[in-house]
């Protein structure tokens, strides 16, 4: 062989890149499948809707309780006013007071003309 032929063969060997074994790529597996993502999403939506409903229910109960308390305060105030009126009625219907007012206006008390009225 001639020297020239040896060099050409040598260049062909050197020009070919050394092949390194390529690692076999396995298909990448996602963490969750599309169906799982849909299920988790639906569960999240249901959970959030439930929490919103629970909070709104709690708020409506709180408002109803506040209304009940204000109504009870109003009732207690009206009850006090009614009790005061009953006290005034008992004070004003005292027979001694009526007798004093009658004498001031000139009425005469006669036991024979008195009629007893019962409740």
PDB file of N, CA and C in Angstrom:
ATOM      1  N   UNK A   1       0.810  -1.170   0.000  1.00  0.00           N
ATOM      2  CA  UNK A   1       0.000   0.000   0.000  1.00  0.00           C
ATOM      3  C   UNK A   1       0.856   1.237   0.000  1.00  0.00           C
ATOM      4  N   UNK A   2       0.295   2.153  -0.644  1.00  0.00           N
ATOM      5  CA  UNK A   2       1.076   3.380  -0.686  1.00  0.00           C
ATOM      6  C   UNK A   2       0.712   4.233   0.513  1.00  0.00           C
ATOM      7  N   UNK A   3       1.525   5.068   0.750  1.00  0.00           N
ATOM      8  CA  UNK A   3       1.385   5.950   1.898  1.00  0.00           C
ATOM      9  C   UNK A   3       0.165   6.845   1.741  1.00  0.00           C
ATOM     10  N   UNK A   4      -0.127   7.245   0.538  1.00  0.00           N
ATOM     11  CA  UNK A   4      -1.255   8.133   0.276  1.00  0.00           C
ATOM     12  C   UNK A   4      -2.566   7.424   0.568  1.00  0.00           C
ATOM     13  N   UNK A   5      -2.702   6.205   0.177  1.00  0.00           N
ATOM     14  CA  UNK A   5      -3.916   5.455   0.423  1.00  0.00           C
ATOM     15  C   UNK A   5      -4.118   5.253   1.908  1.00  0.00           C
ATOM     16  N   UNK A   6      -3.091   5.081   2.622  1.00  0.00           N
ATOM     17  CA  UNK A   6      -3.183   4.901   4.067  1.00  0.00           C
ATOM     18  C   UNK A   6      -3.699   6.163   4.742  1.00  0.00           C
ATOM     19  N   UNK A   7      -3.270   7.300   4.232  1.00  0.00           N
ATOM     20  CA  UNK A   7      -3.714   8.569   4.823  1.00  0.00           C
ATOM     21  C   UNK A   7      -5.188   8.831   4.534  1.00  0.00           C
ATOM     22  N   UNK A   8      -5.672   8.484   3.354  1.00  0.00           N
ATOM     23  CA  UNK A   8      -7.080   8.694   3.007  1.00  0.00           C
ATOM     24  C   UNK A   8      -7.943   7.822   3.884  1.00  0.00           C
ATOM     25  N   UNK A   9      -7.521   6.588   4.043  1.00  0.00           N
ATOM     26  CA  UNK A   9      -8.285   5.683   4.896  1.00  0.00           C
ATOM     27  C   UNK A   9      -8.265   6.184   6.335  1.00  0.00           C
ATOM     28  N   UNK A  10      -7.172   6.717   6.762  1.00  0.00           N
ATOM     29  CA  UNK A  10      -7.043   7.244   8.113  1.00  0.00           C
ATOM     30  C   UNK A  10      -7.949   8.464   8.297  1.00  0.00           C
ATOM     31  N   UNK A  11      -8.055   9.318   7.261  1.00  0.00           N
ATOM     32  CA  UNK A  11      -8.898  10.502   7.341  1.00  0.00           C
ATOM     33  C   UNK A  11     -10.376  10.113   7.392  1.00  0.00           C
ATOM     34  N   UNK A  12     -10.724   9.069   6.645  1.00  0.00           N
ATOM     35  CA  UNK A  12     -12.112   8.620   6.671  1.00  0.00           C
ATOM     36  C   UNK A  12     -12.476   8.087   8.049  1.00  0.00           C
ATOM     37  N   UNK A  13     -11.575   7.430   8.672  1.00  0.00           N
ATOM     38  CA  UNK A  13     -11.837   6.906  10.002  1.00  0.00           C
ATOM     39  C   UNK A  13     -11.935   8.049  10.997  1.00  0.00           C
ATOM     40  N   UNK A  14     -11.104   9.026  10.870  1.00  0.00           N
ATOM     41  CA  UNK A  14     -11.125  10.154  11.795  1.00  0.00           C
ATOM     42  C   UNK A  14     -12.321  11.067  11.529  1.00  0.00           C
ATOM     43  N   UNK A  15     -12.766  11.176  10.304  1.00  0.00           N
ATOM     44  CA  UNK A  15     -13.859  12.072   9.988  1.00  0.00           C
ATOM     45  C   UNK A  15     -15.199  11.552  10.494  1.00  0.00           C
ATOM     46  N   UNK A  16     -15.311  10.268  10.652  1.00  0.00           N
ATOM     47  CA  UNK A  16     -16.550   9.726  11.179  1.00  0.00           C
ATOM     48  C   UNK A  16     -16.576   9.978  12.687  1.00  0.00           C
ATOM     49  N   UNK A  17     -17.589  10.649  13.141  1.00  0.00           N
ATOM     50  CA  UNK A  17     -17.648  10.939  14.577  1.00  0.00           C
ATOM     51  C   UNK A  17     -17.842   9.651  15.363  1.00  0.00           C
ATOM     52  N   UNK A  18     -17.303   9.657  16.497  1.00  0.00           N
ATOM     53  CA  UNK A  18     -17.442   8.482  17.337  1.00  0.00           C
ATOM     54  C   UNK A  18     -18.876   8.414  17.839  1.00  0.00           C
ATOM     55  N   UNK A  19     -19.449   7.316  17.605  1.00  0.00           N
ATOM     56  CA  UNK A  19     -20.851   7.162  18.008  1.00  0.00           C
ATOM     57  C   UNK A  19     -20.897   6.736  19.467  1.00  0.00           C
ATOM     58  N   UNK A  20     -21.578   7.538  20.216  1.00  0.00           N
ATOM     59  CA  UNK A  20     -21.787   7.135  21.604  1.00  0.00           C
ATOM     60  C   UNK A  20     -23.199   6.574  21.679  1.00  0.00           C
ATOM     61  N   UNK A  21     -23.373   5.580  22.456  1.00  0.00           N
ATOM     62  CA  UNK A  21     -24.722   4.998  22.513  1.00  0.00           C
ATOM     63  C   UNK A  21     -25.704   5.999  23.115  1.00  0.00           C
ATOM     64  N   UNK A  22     -26.757   6.279  22.366  1.00  0.00           N
ATOM     65  CA  UNK A  22     -27.770   7.216  22.847  1.00  0.00           C
ATOM     66  C   UNK A  22     -28.635   6.512  23.889  1.00  0.00           C
ATOM     67  N   UNK A  23     -28.872   7.208  24.982  1.00  0.00           N
ATOM     68  CA  UNK A  23     -29.753   6.582  25.963  1.00  0.00           C
ATOM     69  C   UNK A  23     -31.168   6.508  25.399  1.00  0.00           C
ATOM     70  N   UNK A  24     -31.805   5.447  25.641  1.00  0.00           N
ATOM     71  CA  UNK A  24     -33.163   5.248  25.148  1.00  0.00           C
ATOM     72  C   UNK A  24     -34.081   6.130  25.990  1.00  0.00           C
ATOM     73  N   UNK A  25     -34.762   7.028  25.306  1.00  0.00           N
ATOM     74  CA  UNK A  25     -35.664   7.916  26.036  1.00  0.00           C
ATOM     75  C   UNK A  25     -36.985   7.202  26.256  1.00  0.00           C
ATOM     76  N   UNK A  26     -37.324   7.102  27.523  1.00  0.00           N
ATOM     77  CA  UNK A  26     -38.602   6.506  27.833  1.00  0.00           C
ATOM     78  C   UNK A  26     -39.640   7.610  27.795  1.00  0.00           C
ATOM     79  N   UNK A  27     -40.819   7.278  27.376  1.00  0.00           N
ATOM     80  CA  UNK A  27     -41.845   8.329  27.314  1.00  0.00           C
ATOM     81  C   UNK A  27     -42.042   8.936  28.707  1.00  0.00           C
ATOM     82  N   UNK A  28     -42.051  10.261  28.726  1.00  0.00           N
ATOM     83  CA  UNK A  28     -42.193  10.933  30.022  1.00  0.00           C
ATOM     84  C   UNK A  28     -43.618  10.748  30.524  1.00  0.00           C
ATOM     85  N   UNK A  29     -43.712  10.305  31.734  1.00  0.00           N
ATOM     86  CA  UNK A  29     -45.025  10.105  32.354  1.00  0.00           C
ATOM     87  C   UNK A  29     -45.344  11.331  33.173  1.00  0.00           C
ATOM     88  N   UNK A  30     -46.493  11.926  32.905  1.00  0.00           N
ATOM     89  CA  UNK A  30     -46.920  13.094  33.671  1.00  0.00           C
ATOM     90  C   UNK A  30     -47.348  12.647  35.056  1.00  0.00           C
ATOM     91  N   UNK A  31     -47.322  13.591  35.970  1.00  0.00           N
ATOM     92  CA  UNK A  31     -47.675  13.286  37.348  1.00  0.00           C
ATOM     93  C   UNK A  31     -49.140  12.880  37.461  1.00  0.00           C
ATOM     94  N   UNK A  32     -50.009  13.623  36.780  1.00  0.00           N
ATOM     95  CA  UNK A  32     -51.442  13.323  36.798  1.00  0.00           C
ATOM     96  C   UNK A  32     -51.938  13.203  35.368  1.00  0.00           C
ATOM     97  N   UNK A  33     -52.901  12.334  35.174  1.00  0.00           N
ATOM     98  CA  UNK A  33     -53.509  12.203  33.855  1.00  0.00           C
ATOM     99  C   UNK A  33     -54.575  13.281  33.703  1.00  0.00           C
ATOM    100  N   UNK A  34     -55.062  13.419  32.470  1.00  0.00           N
ATOM    101  CA  UNK A  34     -56.081  14.448  32.217  1.00  0.00           C
ATOM    102  C   UNK A  34     -57.349  14.175  33.018  1.00  0.00           C
ATOM    103  N   UNK A  35     -57.715  12.930  33.131  1.00  0.00           N
ATOM    104  CA  UNK A  35     -58.917  12.574  33.903  1.00  0.00           C
ATOM    105  C   UNK A  35     -58.754  12.912  35.373  1.00  0.00           C
ATOM    106  N   UNK A  36     -57.566  12.657  35.927  1.00  0.00           N
ATOM    107  CA  UNK A  36     -57.331  12.995  37.333  1.00  0.00           C
ATOM    108  C   UNK A  36     -57.381  14.493  37.545  1.00  0.00           C
ATOM    109  N   UNK A  37     -56.818  15.255  36.595  1.00  0.00           N
ATOM    110  CA  UNK A  37     -56.845  16.716  36.713  1.00  0.00           C
ATOM    111  C   UNK A  37     -58.282  17.213  36.688  1.00  0.00           C
ATOM    112  N   UNK A  38     -59.105  16.638  35.815  1.00  0.00           N
ATOM    113  CA  UNK A  38     -60.520  17.033  35.749  1.00  0.00           C
ATOM    114  C   UNK A  38     -61.222  16.695  37.056  1.00  0.00           C
ATOM    115  N   UNK A  39     -60.960  15.496  37.587  1.00  0.00           N
ATOM    116  CA  UNK A  39     -61.602  15.103  38.843  1.00  0.00           C
ATOM    117  C   UNK A  39     -61.155  15.999  39.998  1.00  0.00           C
ATOM    118  N   UNK A  40     -59.867  16.265  40.097  1.00  0.00           N
ATOM    119  CA  UNK A  40     -59.371  17.137  41.168  1.00  0.00           C
ATOM    120  C   UNK A  40     -59.930  18.553  41.013  1.00  0.00           C
ATOM    121  N   UNK A  41     -60.013  19.021  39.774  1.00  0.00           N
ATOM    122  CA  UNK A  41     -60.582  20.351  39.533  1.00  0.00           C
ATOM    123  C   UNK A  41     -62.047  20.421  39.941  1.00  0.00           C
ATOM    124  N   UNK A  42     -62.802  19.386  39.572  1.00  0.00           N
ATOM    125  CA  UNK A  42     -64.223  19.348  39.940  1.00  0.00           C
ATOM    126  C   UNK A  42     -64.377  19.281  41.457  1.00  0.00           C
ATOM    127  N   UNK A  43     -63.519  18.494  42.099  1.00  0.00           N
ATOM    128  CA  UNK A  43     -63.590  18.405  43.556  1.00  0.00           C
ATOM    129  C   UNK A  43     -63.241  19.749  44.200  1.00  0.00           C
ATOM    130  N   UNK A  44     -62.275  20.444  43.627  1.00  0.00           N
ATOM    131  CA  UNK A  44     -61.920  21.763  44.139  1.00  0.00           C
ATOM    132  C   UNK A  44     -63.060  22.756  43.992  1.00  0.00           C
ATOM    133  N   UNK A  45     -63.713  22.726  42.837  1.00  0.00           N
ATOM    134  CA  UNK A  45     -64.850  23.631  42.613  1.00  0.00           C
ATOM    135  C   UNK A  45     -65.971  23.329  43.598  1.00  0.00           C
ATOM    136  N   UNK A  46     -66.266  22.041  43.805  1.00  0.00           N
ATOM    137  CA  UNK A  46     -67.313  21.654  44.752  1.00  0.00           C
ATOM    138  C   UNK A  46     -66.932  22.086  46.168  1.00  0.00           C
ATOM    139  N   UNK A  47     -65.670  21.924  46.526  1.00  0.00           N
ATOM    140  CA  UNK A  47     -65.210  22.323  47.859  1.00  0.00           C
ATOM    141  C   UNK A  47     -65.336  23.830  48.056  1.00  0.00           C
ATOM    142  N   UNK A  48     -64.920  24.603  47.075  1.00  0.00           N
ATOM    143  CA  UNK A  48     -65.020  26.060  47.182  1.00  0.00           C
ATOM    144  C   UNK A  48     -66.481  26.493  47.234  1.00  0.00           C
ATOM    145  N   UNK A  49     -67.329  25.880  46.404  1.00  0.00           N
ATOM    146  CA  UNK A  49     -68.762  26.214  46.429  1.00  0.00           C
ATOM    147  C   UNK A  49     -69.366  25.873  47.789  1.00  0.00           C
ATOM    148  N   UNK A  50     -68.972  24.742  48.353  1.00  0.00           N
ATOM    149  CA  UNK A  50     -69.474  24.363  49.677  1.00  0.00           C
ATOM    150  C   UNK A  50     -69.027  25.336  50.752  1.00  0.00           C
ATOM    151  N   UNK A  51     -67.786  25.773  50.680  1.00  0.00           N
ATOM    152  CA  UNK A  51     -67.293  26.742  51.666  1.00  0.00           C
ATOM    153  C   UNK A  51     -68.019  28.075  51.537  1.00  0.00           C
ATOM    154  N   UNK A  52     -68.252  28.508  50.311  1.00  0.00           N
ATOM    155  CA  UNK A  52     -68.989  29.765  50.107  1.00  0.00           C
ATOM    156  C   UNK A  52     -70.407  29.630  50.641  1.00  0.00           C
ATOM    157  N   UNK A  53     -71.054  28.502  50.378  1.00  0.00           N
ATOM    158  CA  UNK A  53     -72.413  28.281  50.893  1.00  0.00           C
ATOM    159  C   UNK A  53     -72.420  28.270  52.413  1.00  0.00           C
ATOM    160  N   UNK A  54     -71.419  27.628  53.020  1.00  0.00           N
ATOM    161  CA  UNK A  54     -71.333  27.559  54.476  1.00  0.00           C
ATOM    162  C   UNK A  54     -71.130  28.945  55.081  1.00  0.00           C
ATOM    163  N   UNK A  55     -70.284  29.735  54.462  1.00  0.00           N
ATOM    164  CA  UNK A  55     -70.044  31.097  54.966  1.00  0.00           C
ATOM    165  C   UNK A  55     -71.299  31.949  54.811  1.00  0.00           C
ATOM    166  N   UNK A  56     -71.998  31.826  53.687  1.00  0.00           N
ATOM    167  CA  UNK A  56     -73.228  32.604  53.512  1.00  0.00           C
ATOM    168  C   UNK A  56     -74.300  32.166  54.503  1.00  0.00           C
ATOM    169  N   UNK A  57     -74.363  30.867  54.781  1.00  0.00           N
ATOM    170  CA  UNK A  57     -75.313  30.364  55.764  1.00  0.00           C
ATOM    171  C   UNK A  57     -74.986  30.912  57.147  1.00  0.00           C
ATOM    172  N   UNK A  58     -73.715  30.929  57.500  1.00  0.00           N
ATOM    173  CA  UNK A  58     -73.291  31.474  58.786  1.00  0.00           C
ATOM    174  C   UNK A  58     -73.622  32.964  58.877  1.00  0.00           C
ATOM    175  N   UNK A  59     -73.418  33.689  57.774  1.00  0.00           N
ATOM    176  CA  UNK A  59     -73.728  35.120  57.770  1.00  0.00           C
ATOM    177  C   UNK A  59     -75.228  35.347  57.944  1.00  0.00           C
ATOM    178  N   UNK A  60     -76.061  34.537  57.289  1.00  0.00           N
ATOM    179  CA  UNK A  60     -77.510  34.720  57.428  1.00  0.00           C
ATOM    180  C   UNK A  60     -77.968  34.375  58.842  1.00  0.00           C
ATOM    181  N   UNK A  61     -77.358  33.364  59.457  1.00  0.00           N
ATOM    182  CA  UNK A  61     -77.689  33.024  60.848  1.00  0.00           C
ATOM    183  C   UNK A  61     -77.276  34.167  61.766  1.00  0.00           C
ATOM    184  N   UNK A  62     -76.127  34.760  61.504  1.00  0.00           N
ATOM    185  CA  UNK A  62     -75.658  35.882  62.314  1.00  0.00           C
ATOM    186  C   UNK A  62     -76.611  37.069  62.186  1.00  0.00           C
ATOM    187  N   UNK A  63     -77.061  37.361  60.967  1.00  0.00           N
ATOM    188  CA  UNK A  63     -77.997  38.462  60.764  1.00  0.00           C
ATOM    189  C   UNK A  63     -79.324  38.182  61.462  1.00  0.00           C
ATOM    190  N   UNK A  64     -79.803  36.950  61.378  1.00  0.00           N
ATOM    191  CA  UNK A  64     -81.065  36.607  62.036  1.00  0.00           C
ATOM    192  C   UNK A  64     -80.924  36.740  63.552  1.00  0.00           C
ATOM    193  N   UNK A  65     -79.790  36.322  64.090  1.00  0.00           N
ATOM    194  CA  UNK A  65     -79.558  36.449  65.529  1.00  0.00           C
ATOM    195  C   UNK A  65     -79.523  37.918  65.941  1.00  0.00           C
ATOM    196  N   UNK A  66     -78.891  38.745  65.128  1.00  0.00           N
ATOM    197  CA  UNK A  66     -78.840  40.175  65.430  1.00  0.00           C
ATOM    198  C   UNK A  66     -80.244  40.779  65.407  1.00  0.00           C
ATOM    199  N   UNK A  67     -81.066  40.373  64.434  1.00  0.00           N
ATOM    200  CA  UNK A  67     -82.434  40.874  64.375  1.00  0.00           C
ATOM    201  C   UNK A  67     -83.235  40.426  65.590  1.00  0.00           C
ATOM    202  N   UNK A  68     -83.064  39.171  65.991  1.00  0.00           N
ATOM    203  CA  UNK A  68     -83.777  38.657  67.164  1.00  0.00           C
ATOM    204  C   UNK A  68     -83.380  39.453  68.405  1.00  0.00           C
ATOM    205  N   UNK A  69     -82.092  39.762  68.533  1.00  0.00           N
ATOM    206  CA  UNK A  69     -81.640  40.524  69.698  1.00  0.00           C
ATOM    207  C   UNK A  69     -82.234  41.928  69.703  1.00  0.00           C
ATOM    208  N   UNK A  70     -82.282  42.586  68.555  1.00  0.00           N
ATOM    209  CA  UNK A  70     -82.870  43.925  68.517  1.00  0.00           C
ATOM    210  C   UNK A  70     -84.363  43.867  68.824  1.00  0.00           C
ATOM    211  N   UNK A  71     -85.044  42.852  68.316  1.00  0.00           N
ATOM    212  CA  UNK A  71     -86.474  42.712  68.601  1.00  0.00           C
ATOM    213  C   UNK A  71     -86.696  42.446  70.089  1.00  0.00           C
ATOM    214  N   UNK A  72     -85.840  41.624  70.698  1.00  0.00           N
ATOM    215  CA  UNK A  72     -85.960  41.368  72.137  1.00  0.00           C
ATOM    216  C   UNK A  72     -85.722  42.645  72.942  1.00  0.00           C
ATOM    217  N   UNK A  73     -84.776  43.474  72.511  1.00  0.00           N
ATOM    218  CA  UNK A  73     -84.546  44.754  73.198  1.00  0.00           C
ATOM    219  C   UNK A  73     -85.772  45.651  73.078  1.00  0.00           C
ATOM    220  N   UNK A  74     -86.361  45.690  71.869  1.00  0.00           N
ATOM    221  CA  UNK A  74     -87.570  46.494  71.674  1.00  0.00           C
ATOM    222  C   UNK A  74     -88.716  45.974  72.542  1.00  0.00           C
ATOM    223  N   UNK A  75     -88.863  44.662  72.613  1.00  0.00           N
ATOM    224  CA  UNK A  75     -89.930  44.069  73.428  1.00  0.00           C
ATOM    225  C   UNK A  75     -89.725  44.394  74.900  1.00  0.00           C
ATOM    226  N   UNK A  76     -88.475  44.305  75.364  1.00  0.00           N
ATOM    227  CA  UNK A  76     -88.228  44.605  76.777  1.00  0.00           C
ATOM    228  C   UNK A  76     -88.489  46.081  77.073  1.00  0.00           C
ATOM    229  N   UNK A  77     -88.156  46.965  76.128  1.00  0.00           N
ATOM    230  CA  UNK A  77     -88.440  48.387  76.328  1.00  0.00           C
ATOM    231  C   UNK A  77     -89.949  48.629  76.375  1.00  0.00           C
ATOM    232  N   UNK A  78     -90.696  48.014  75.461  1.00  0.00           N
ATOM    233  CA  UNK A  78     -92.154  48.176  75.458  1.00  0.00           C
ATOM    234  C   UNK A  78     -92.783  47.566  76.708  1.00  0.00           C
ATOM    235  N   UNK A  79     -92.242  46.443  77.171  1.00  0.00           N
ATOM    236  CA  UNK A  79     -92.748  45.816  78.394  1.00  0.00           C
ATOM    237  C   UNK A  79     -92.555  46.746  79.581  1.00  0.00           C
ATOM    238  N   UNK A  80     -91.411  47.406  79.625  1.00  0.00           N
ATOM    239  CA  UNK A  80     -91.152  48.357  80.712  1.00  0.00           C
ATOM    240  C   UNK A  80     -92.139  49.518  80.654  1.00  0.00           C
ATOM    241  N   UNK A  81     -92.408  50.007  79.454  1.00  0.00           N
ATOM    242  CA  UNK A  81     -93.370  51.109  79.307  1.00  0.00           C
ATOM    243  C   UNK A  81     -94.755  50.669  79.764  1.00  0.00           C
ATOM    244  N   UNK A  82     -95.175  49.450  79.384  1.00  0.00           N
ATOM    245  CA  UNK A  82     -96.491  48.935  79.785  1.00  0.00           C
ATOM    246  C   UNK A  82     -96.560  48.775  81.303  1.00  0.00           C
ATOM    247  N   UNK A  83     -95.480  48.277  81.906  1.00  0.00           N
ATOM    248  CA  UNK A  83     -95.456  48.142  83.369  1.00  0.00           C
ATOM    249  C   UNK A  83     -95.554  49.508  84.044  1.00  0.00           C
ATOM    250  N   UNK A  84     -94.881  50.503  83.464  1.00  0.00           N
ATOM    251  CA  UNK A  84     -94.989  51.857  84.017  1.00  0.00           C
ATOM    252  C   UNK A  84     -96.424  52.379  83.926  1.00  0.00           C
ATOM    253  N   UNK A  85     -97.097  52.095  82.799  1.00  0.00           N
ATOM    254  CA  UNK A  85     -98.494  52.520  82.659  1.00  0.00           C
ATOM    255  C   UNK A  85     -99.390  51.817  83.674  1.00  0.00           C
ATOM    256  N   UNK A  86     -99.144  50.527  83.894  1.00  0.00           N
ATOM    257  CA  UNK A  86     -99.934  49.809  84.905  1.00  0.00           C
ATOM    258  C   UNK A  86     -99.704  50.407  86.289  1.00  0.00           C
ATOM    259  N   UNK A  87     -98.481  50.778  86.586  1.00  0.00           N
ATOM    260  CA  UNK A  87     -98.173  51.399  87.875  1.00  0.00           C
ATOM    261  C   UNK A  87     -98.883  52.750  88.006  1.00  0.00           C
ATOM    262  N   UNK A  88     -98.893  53.527  86.916  1.00  0.00           N
ATOM    263  CA  UNK A  88     -99.590  54.814  86.941  1.00  0.00           C
ATOM    264  C   UNK A  88    -101.091  54.615  87.125  1.00  0.00           C
ATOM    265  N   UNK A  89    -101.647  53.595  86.472  1.00  0.00           N
ATOM    266  CA  UNK A  89    -103.085  53.333  86.613  1.00  0.00           C
ATOM    267  C   UNK A  89    -103.413  52.978  88.053  1.00  0.00           C
ATOM    268  N   UNK A  90    -102.574  52.133  88.674  1.00  0.00           N
ATOM    269  CA  UNK A  90    -102.851  51.770  90.067  1.00  0.00           C
ATOM    270  C   UNK A  90    -102.704  52.975  90.984  1.00  0.00           C
ATOM    271  N   UNK A  91    -101.739  53.860  90.710  1.00  0.00           N
ATOM    272  CA  UNK A  91    -101.572  55.062  91.536  1.00  0.00           C
ATOM    273  C   UNK A  91    -102.739  56.030  91.340  1.00  0.00           C
ATOM    274  N   UNK A  92    -103.168  56.186  90.076  1.00  0.00           N
ATOM    275  CA  UNK A  92    -104.244  57.132  89.810  1.00  0.00           C
ATOM    276  C   UNK A  92    -105.611  56.593  90.232  1.00  0.00           C
ATOM    277  N   UNK A  93    -105.781  55.292  90.330  1.00  0.00           N
ATOM    278  CA  UNK A  93    -107.073  54.755  90.735  1.00  0.00           C
ATOM    279  C   UNK A  93    -107.156  54.510  92.242  1.00  0.00           C
ATOM    280  N   UNK A  94    -106.237  55.057  92.992  1.00  0.00           N
ATOM    281  CA  UNK A  94    -106.270  54.951  94.448  1.00  0.00           C
ATOM    282  C   UNK A  94    -107.511  55.691  94.963  1.00  0.00           C
ATOM    283  N   UNK A  95    -108.365  55.036  95.779  1.00  0.00           N
ATOM    284  CA  UNK A  95    -109.609  55.669  96.236  1.00  0.00           C
ATOM    285  C   UNK A  95    -109.358  56.945  97.055  1.00  0.00           C
ATOM    286  N   UNK A  96    -108.312  56.989  97.809  1.00  0.00           N
ATOM    287  CA  UNK A  96    -108.040  58.194  98.604  1.00  0.00           C
ATOM    288  C   UNK A  96    -107.756  59.388  97.702  1.00  0.00           C
ATOM    289  N   UNK A  97    -107.019  59.165  96.642  1.00  0.00           N
ATOM    290  CA  UNK A  97    -106.717  60.255  95.698  1.00  0.00           C
ATOM    291  C   UNK A  97    -107.988  60.742  95.028  1.00  0.00           C
ATOM    292  N   UNK A  98    -108.852  59.783  94.654  1.00  0.00           N
ATOM    293  CA  UNK A  98    -110.114  60.155  93.997  1.00  0.00           C
ATOM    294  C   UNK A  98    -110.990  60.964  94.952  1.00  0.00           C
ATOM    295  N   UNK A  99    -110.983  60.559  96.232  1.00  0.00           N
ATOM    296  CA  UNK A  99    -111.782  61.295  97.232  1.00  0.00           C
ATOM    297  C   UNK A  99    -111.272  62.726  97.377  1.00  0.00           C
ATOM    298  N   UNK A 100    -109.952  62.921  97.407  1.00  0.00           N
ATOM    299  CA  UNK A 100    -109.386  64.274  97.533  1.00  0.00           C
ATOM    300  C   UNK A 100    -109.768  65.126  96.338  1.00  0.00           C
ATOM    301  N   UNK A 101    -109.661  64.562  95.136  1.00  0.00           N
ATOM    302  CA  UNK A 101    -110.026  65.319  93.936  1.00  0.00           C
ATOM    303  C   UNK A 101    -111.516  65.646  93.917  1.00  0.00           C
ATOM    304  N   UNK A 102    -112.341  64.717  94.392  1.00  0.00           N
ATOM    305  CA  UNK A 102    -113.788  64.956  94.420  1.00  0.00           C
ATOM    306  C   UNK A 102    -114.135  66.064  95.405  1.00  0.00           C
ATOM    307  N   UNK A 103    -113.483  66.084  96.574  1.00  0.00           N
ATOM    308  CA  UNK A 103    -113.760  67.136  97.568  1.00  0.00           C
ATOM    309  C   UNK A 103    -113.299  68.486  97.047  1.00  0.00           C
ATOM    310  N   UNK A 104    -112.163  68.514  96.301  1.00  0.00           N
ATOM    311  CA  UNK A 104    -111.681  69.783  95.744  1.00  0.00           C
ATOM    312  C   UNK A 104    -112.676  70.343  94.730  1.00  0.00           C
ATOM    313  N   UNK A 105    -113.315  69.468  93.995  1.00  0.00           N
ATOM    314  CA  UNK A 105    -114.252  69.927  92.985  1.00  0.00           C
ATOM    315  C   UNK A 105    -115.663  70.126  93.544  1.00  0.00           C
ATOM    316  N   UNK A 106    -115.852  69.835  94.840  1.00  0.00           N
ATOM    317  CA  UNK A 106    -117.128  70.133  95.485  1.00  0.00           C
ATOM    318  C   UNK A 106    -118.100  68.971  95.548  1.00  0.00           C
ATOM    319  N   UNK A 107    -117.669  67.784  95.317  1.00  0.00           N
ATOM    320  CA  UNK A 107    -118.553  66.634  95.434  1.00  0.00           C
ATOM    321  C   UNK A 107    -118.698  66.242  96.894  1.00  0.00           C
ATOM    322  N   UNK A 108    -119.881  65.675  97.216  1.00  0.00           N
ATOM    323  CA  UNK A 108    -120.158  65.266  98.588  1.00  0.00           C
ATOM    324  C   UNK A 108    -120.233  63.743  98.595  1.00  0.00           C
ATOM    325  N   UNK A 109    -119.588  63.125  99.598  1.00  0.00           N
ATOM    326  CA  UNK A 109    -119.558  61.670  99.714  1.00  0.00           C
ATOM    327  C   UNK A 109    -120.735  61.230 100.561  1.00  0.00           C
ATOM    328  N   UNK A 110    -121.623  60.416  99.980  1.00  0.00           N
ATOM    329  CA  UNK A 110    -122.774  59.882 100.686  1.00  0.00           C
ATOM    330  C   UNK A 110    -122.705  58.364 100.619  1.00  0.00           C
ATOM    331  N   UNK A 111    -122.592  57.688 101.790  1.00  0.00           N
ATOM    332  CA  UNK A 111    -122.454  56.227 101.841  1.00  0.00           C
ATOM    333  C   UNK A 111    -123.687  55.507 101.296  1.00  0.00           C
ATOM    334  N   UNK A 112    -124.859  56.171 101.356  1.00  0.00           N
ATOM    335  CA  UNK A 112    -126.085  55.513 100.915  1.00  0.00           C
ATOM    336  C   UNK A 112    -126.134  55.361  99.396  1.00  0.00           C
ATOM    337  N   UNK A 113    -125.487  56.228  98.693  1.00  0.00           N
ATOM    338  CA  UNK A 113    -125.534  56.195  97.229  1.00  0.00           C
ATOM    339  C   UNK A 113    -124.346  55.436  96.607  1.00  0.00           C
ATOM    340  N   UNK A 114    -123.503  54.826  97.416  1.00  0.00           N
ATOM    341  CA  UNK A 114    -122.305  54.131  96.927  1.00  0.00           C
ATOM    342  C   UNK A 114    -122.706  52.716  96.526  1.00  0.00           C
ATOM    343  N   UNK A 115    -122.305  52.339  95.325  1.00  0.00           N
ATOM    344  CA  UNK A 115    -122.541  50.983  94.841  1.00  0.00           C
ATOM    345  C   UNK A 115    -121.161  50.328  94.663  1.00  0.00           C
ATOM    346  N   UNK A 116    -121.058  49.070  95.097  1.00  0.00           N
ATOM    347  CA  UNK A 116    -119.794  48.356  94.976  1.00  0.00           C
ATOM    348  C   UNK A 116    -119.765  47.607  93.647  1.00  0.00           C
ATOM    349  N   UNK A 117    -118.735  47.860  92.891  1.00  0.00           N
ATOM    350  CA  UNK A 117    -118.571  47.200  91.606  1.00  0.00           C
ATOM    351  C   UNK A 117    -117.340  46.305  91.696  1.00  0.00           C
ATOM    352  N   UNK A 118    -117.495  45.063  91.323  1.00  0.00           N
ATOM    353  CA  UNK A 118    -116.350  44.136  91.374  1.00  0.00           C
ATOM    354  C   UNK A 118    -115.848  43.879  89.963  1.00  0.00           C
ATOM    355  N   UNK A 119    -114.578  43.577  89.869  1.00  0.00           N
ATOM    356  CA  UNK A 119    -113.978  43.336  88.558  1.00  0.00           C
ATOM    357  C   UNK A 119    -114.408  42.038  87.977  1.00  0.00           C
TER     358      UNK A 119
END
